[in-house]
Amino acid sequence: MKILVRNLARTTKEKELYVLFTAFGSVTECTLVLDKETGASKGFGFIEMPKADEAQAAIKALNMSEFGKSRIRVKTAD
């Protein structure tokens, strides 16, 4: 299941995001979206979790939670 994570602090690193989601199960992909010109984070990213039940648990637990001094929004990616 592909998950969209929004409102990330601009200082968030992919590894931090990966570690956050592995607490709920296996993560096959973690991508932080970066600005092509500056290389800085755009404040959102995508997580791929192969097991739907683990992905749903992560979404439920992490949506509107504090992470890196930001209140993140987590939902399934369309």
N, C-alpha and C. Protein backbone atom coordinates (compact mmCIF):
# COMPACT_ATOMS: atom_id res chain seq x y z
N MET A 1 0.85 -1.17 0.00
CA MET A 1 0.00 0.00 0.00
C MET A 1 0.90 1.24 0.00
N LYS A 2 0.56 2.17 -0.85
CA LYS A 2 1.34 3.41 -0.94
C LYS A 2 0.70 4.46 -0.02
N ILE A 3 1.56 5.11 0.76
CA ILE A 3 1.11 6.08 1.76
C ILE A 3 1.73 7.44 1.46
N LEU A 4 0.92 8.48 1.56
CA LEU A 4 1.37 9.86 1.39
C LEU A 4 1.55 10.48 2.78
N VAL A 5 2.70 11.09 2.99
CA VAL A 5 2.99 11.78 4.26
C VAL A 5 3.22 13.25 3.92
N ARG A 6 2.37 14.13 4.48
CA ARG A 6 2.45 15.56 4.18
C ARG A 6 2.79 16.36 5.42
N ASN A 7 3.18 17.60 5.20
CA ASN A 7 3.49 18.56 6.26
C ASN A 7 4.73 18.16 7.06
N LEU A 8 5.70 17.54 6.39
CA LEU A 8 6.96 17.20 7.04
C LEU A 8 7.81 18.44 7.22
N ALA A 9 8.58 18.47 8.29
CA ALA A 9 9.54 19.56 8.48
C ALA A 9 10.54 19.51 7.32
N ARG A 10 10.97 20.64 6.85
CA ARG A 10 11.90 20.70 5.70
C ARG A 10 13.25 20.06 6.01
N THR A 11 13.52 19.85 7.29
CA THR A 11 14.79 19.25 7.70
C THR A 11 14.72 17.72 7.81
N THR A 12 13.54 17.14 7.60
CA THR A 12 13.36 15.69 7.71
C THR A 12 14.18 14.96 6.66
N LYS A 13 14.82 13.89 7.08
CA LYS A 13 15.62 13.04 6.18
C LYS A 13 14.85 11.75 5.89
N GLU A 14 15.14 11.15 4.72
CA GLU A 14 14.48 9.90 4.34
C GLU A 14 14.66 8.82 5.40
N LYS A 15 15.84 8.71 5.95
CA LYS A 15 16.12 7.69 6.96
C LYS A 15 15.21 7.85 8.18
N GLU A 16 14.97 9.09 8.60
CA GLU A 16 14.09 9.35 9.75
C GLU A 16 12.67 8.89 9.44
N LEU A 17 12.21 9.19 8.24
CA LEU A 17 10.87 8.81 7.82
C LEU A 17 10.75 7.29 7.74
N TYR A 18 11.78 6.65 7.20
CA TYR A 18 11.82 5.19 7.10
C TYR A 18 11.72 4.55 8.49
N VAL A 19 12.52 5.03 9.42
CA VAL A 19 12.52 4.49 10.78
C VAL A 19 11.16 4.68 11.45
N LEU A 20 10.53 5.82 11.24
CA LEU A 20 9.22 6.09 11.81
C LEU A 20 8.21 5.03 11.39
N PHE A 21 8.20 4.66 10.11
CA PHE A 21 7.21 3.71 9.60
C PHE A 21 7.58 2.26 9.87
N THR A 22 8.85 1.92 9.99
CA THR A 22 9.23 0.53 10.26
C THR A 22 8.78 0.08 11.65
N ALA A 23 8.43 1.01 12.51
CA ALA A 23 7.87 0.64 13.82
C ALA A 23 6.53 -0.08 13.66
N PHE A 24 5.90 0.05 12.50
CA PHE A 24 4.59 -0.56 12.25
C PHE A 24 4.66 -1.78 11.34
N GLY A 25 5.82 -2.04 10.75
CA GLY A 25 5.96 -3.20 9.87
C GLY A 25 7.01 -2.96 8.81
N SER A 26 6.98 -3.80 7.79
CA SER A 26 8.01 -3.71 6.75
C SER A 26 7.71 -2.56 5.78
N VAL A 27 8.77 -1.89 5.38
CA VAL A 27 8.70 -0.78 4.43
C VAL A 27 9.57 -1.16 3.24
N THR A 28 8.97 -1.18 2.04
CA THR A 28 9.74 -1.56 0.85
C THR A 28 10.31 -0.35 0.13
N GLU A 29 9.71 0.82 0.36
CA GLU A 29 10.21 2.02 -0.31
C GLU A 29 9.88 3.25 0.53
N CYS A 30 10.81 4.18 0.55
CA CYS A 30 10.63 5.45 1.25
C CYS A 30 11.23 6.54 0.37
N THR A 31 10.41 7.48 -0.04
CA THR A 31 10.87 8.53 -0.94
C THR A 31 10.45 9.89 -0.40
N LEU A 32 11.41 10.73 -0.14
CA LEU A 32 11.17 12.11 0.26
C LEU A 32 11.25 12.95 -1.01
N VAL A 33 10.24 13.74 -1.29
CA VAL A 33 10.22 14.54 -2.52
C VAL A 33 11.08 15.79 -2.32
N LEU A 34 12.03 15.97 -3.24
CA LEU A 34 12.99 17.07 -3.15
C LEU A 34 12.81 18.05 -4.31
N ASP A 35 13.13 19.31 -4.05
CA ASP A 35 13.12 20.33 -5.08
C ASP A 35 14.29 20.05 -6.03
N LYS A 36 14.03 20.03 -7.33
CA LYS A 36 15.07 19.69 -8.31
C LYS A 36 16.19 20.72 -8.37
N GLU A 37 15.87 21.97 -8.14
CA GLU A 37 16.88 23.03 -8.23
C GLU A 37 17.74 23.14 -6.96
N THR A 38 17.09 23.08 -5.80
CA THR A 38 17.82 23.31 -4.55
C THR A 38 18.20 22.03 -3.81
N GLY A 39 17.50 20.94 -4.10
CA GLY A 39 17.75 19.69 -3.39
C GLY A 39 17.11 19.66 -2.01
N ALA A 40 16.39 20.71 -1.66
CA ALA A 40 15.72 20.79 -0.35
C ALA A 40 14.39 20.02 -0.39
N SER A 41 13.98 19.53 0.77
CA SER A 41 12.72 18.82 0.88
C SER A 41 11.55 19.73 0.54
N LYS A 42 10.54 19.16 -0.12
CA LYS A 42 9.32 19.91 -0.42
C LYS A 42 8.28 19.72 0.69
N GLY A 43 8.62 18.94 1.72
CA GLY A 43 7.72 18.78 2.85
C GLY A 43 6.75 17.62 2.75
N PHE A 44 6.97 16.73 1.77
CA PHE A 44 6.13 15.53 1.71
C PHE A 44 6.91 14.37 1.11
N GLY A 45 6.35 13.18 1.31
CA GLY A 45 7.02 11.99 0.81
C GLY A 45 6.05 10.83 0.71
N PHE A 46 6.57 9.70 0.22
CA PHE A 46 5.76 8.50 0.02
C PHE A 46 6.44 7.31 0.68
N ILE A 47 5.61 6.45 1.25
CA ILE A 47 6.05 5.22 1.89
C ILE A 47 5.30 4.08 1.21
N GLU A 48 6.00 2.99 0.94
CA GLU A 48 5.36 1.80 0.40
C GLU A 48 5.48 0.69 1.44
N MET A 49 4.32 0.20 1.89
CA MET A 49 4.27 -0.90 2.85
C MET A 49 3.49 -2.04 2.21
N PRO A 50 4.09 -3.24 2.10
CA PRO A 50 3.45 -4.34 1.37
C PRO A 50 2.22 -4.94 2.07
N LYS A 51 2.14 -4.85 3.38
CA LYS A 51 1.02 -5.45 4.12
C LYS A 51 0.01 -4.37 4.48
N ALA A 52 -1.21 -4.53 3.96
CA ALA A 52 -2.25 -3.52 4.15
C ALA A 52 -2.58 -3.28 5.62
N ASP A 53 -2.59 -4.34 6.43
CA ASP A 53 -2.94 -4.16 7.86
C ASP A 53 -1.88 -3.33 8.58
N GLU A 54 -0.60 -3.53 8.25
CA GLU A 54 0.47 -2.73 8.85
C GLU A 54 0.39 -1.28 8.38
N ALA A 55 0.08 -1.10 7.10
CA ALA A 55 -0.04 0.25 6.55
C ALA A 55 -1.19 1.00 7.20
N GLN A 56 -2.32 0.34 7.38
CA GLN A 56 -3.47 0.98 8.01
C GLN A 56 -3.17 1.33 9.47
N ALA A 57 -2.44 0.47 10.16
CA ALA A 57 -2.07 0.75 11.55
C ALA A 57 -1.16 1.98 11.61
N ALA A 58 -0.23 2.08 10.68
CA ALA A 58 0.68 3.24 10.63
C ALA A 58 -0.10 4.52 10.34
N ILE A 59 -1.02 4.45 9.39
CA ILE A 59 -1.82 5.64 9.04
C ILE A 59 -2.63 6.09 10.25
N LYS A 60 -3.30 5.15 10.90
CA LYS A 60 -4.14 5.48 12.05
C LYS A 60 -3.32 6.10 13.19
N ALA A 61 -2.17 5.52 13.46
CA ALA A 61 -1.35 5.99 14.57
C ALA A 61 -0.61 7.30 14.28
N LEU A 62 -0.19 7.50 13.03
CA LEU A 62 0.67 8.64 12.72
C LEU A 62 -0.05 9.87 12.18
N ASN A 63 -1.25 9.70 11.64
CA ASN A 63 -1.96 10.87 11.11
C ASN A 63 -2.20 11.89 12.21
N MET A 64 -1.81 13.13 11.95
CA MET A 64 -1.96 14.26 12.86
C MET A 64 -1.07 14.13 14.10
N SER A 65 0.00 13.35 14.00
CA SER A 65 0.94 13.23 15.11
C SER A 65 2.09 14.22 14.93
N GLU A 66 2.81 14.46 16.00
CA GLU A 66 3.97 15.35 15.97
C GLU A 66 5.20 14.57 15.52
N PHE A 67 5.89 15.09 14.52
CA PHE A 67 7.13 14.47 14.03
C PHE A 67 8.04 15.58 13.53
N GLY A 68 9.20 15.71 14.13
CA GLY A 68 10.14 16.74 13.71
C GLY A 68 9.59 18.15 13.85
N LYS A 69 8.89 18.41 14.92
CA LYS A 69 8.30 19.72 15.22
C LYS A 69 7.19 20.12 14.26
N SER A 70 6.64 19.16 13.54
CA SER A 70 5.51 19.40 12.63
C SER A 70 4.41 18.39 12.92
N ARG A 71 3.18 18.80 12.70
CA ARG A 71 2.05 17.88 12.82
C ARG A 71 1.83 17.29 11.43
N ILE A 72 2.23 16.02 11.26
CA ILE A 72 2.16 15.40 9.93
C ILE A 72 0.76 14.87 9.63
N ARG A 73 0.47 14.79 8.33
CA ARG A 73 -0.78 14.21 7.84
C ARG A 73 -0.41 12.98 7.03
N VAL A 74 -1.07 11.88 7.34
CA VAL A 74 -0.74 10.60 6.73
C VAL A 74 -2.02 9.97 6.19
N LYS A 75 -1.99 9.57 4.92
CA LYS A 75 -3.17 8.92 4.31
C LYS A 75 -2.70 8.04 3.16
N THR A 76 -3.62 7.23 2.65
CA THR A 76 -3.27 6.41 1.50
C THR A 76 -3.08 7.31 0.30
N ALA A 77 -2.11 6.97 -0.54
CA ALA A 77 -1.84 7.75 -1.76
C ALA A 77 -2.77 7.23 -2.85
N ASP A 78 -3.36 8.13 -3.59
CA ASP A 78 -4.28 7.74 -4.67
C ASP A 78 -3.54 7.50 -5.96
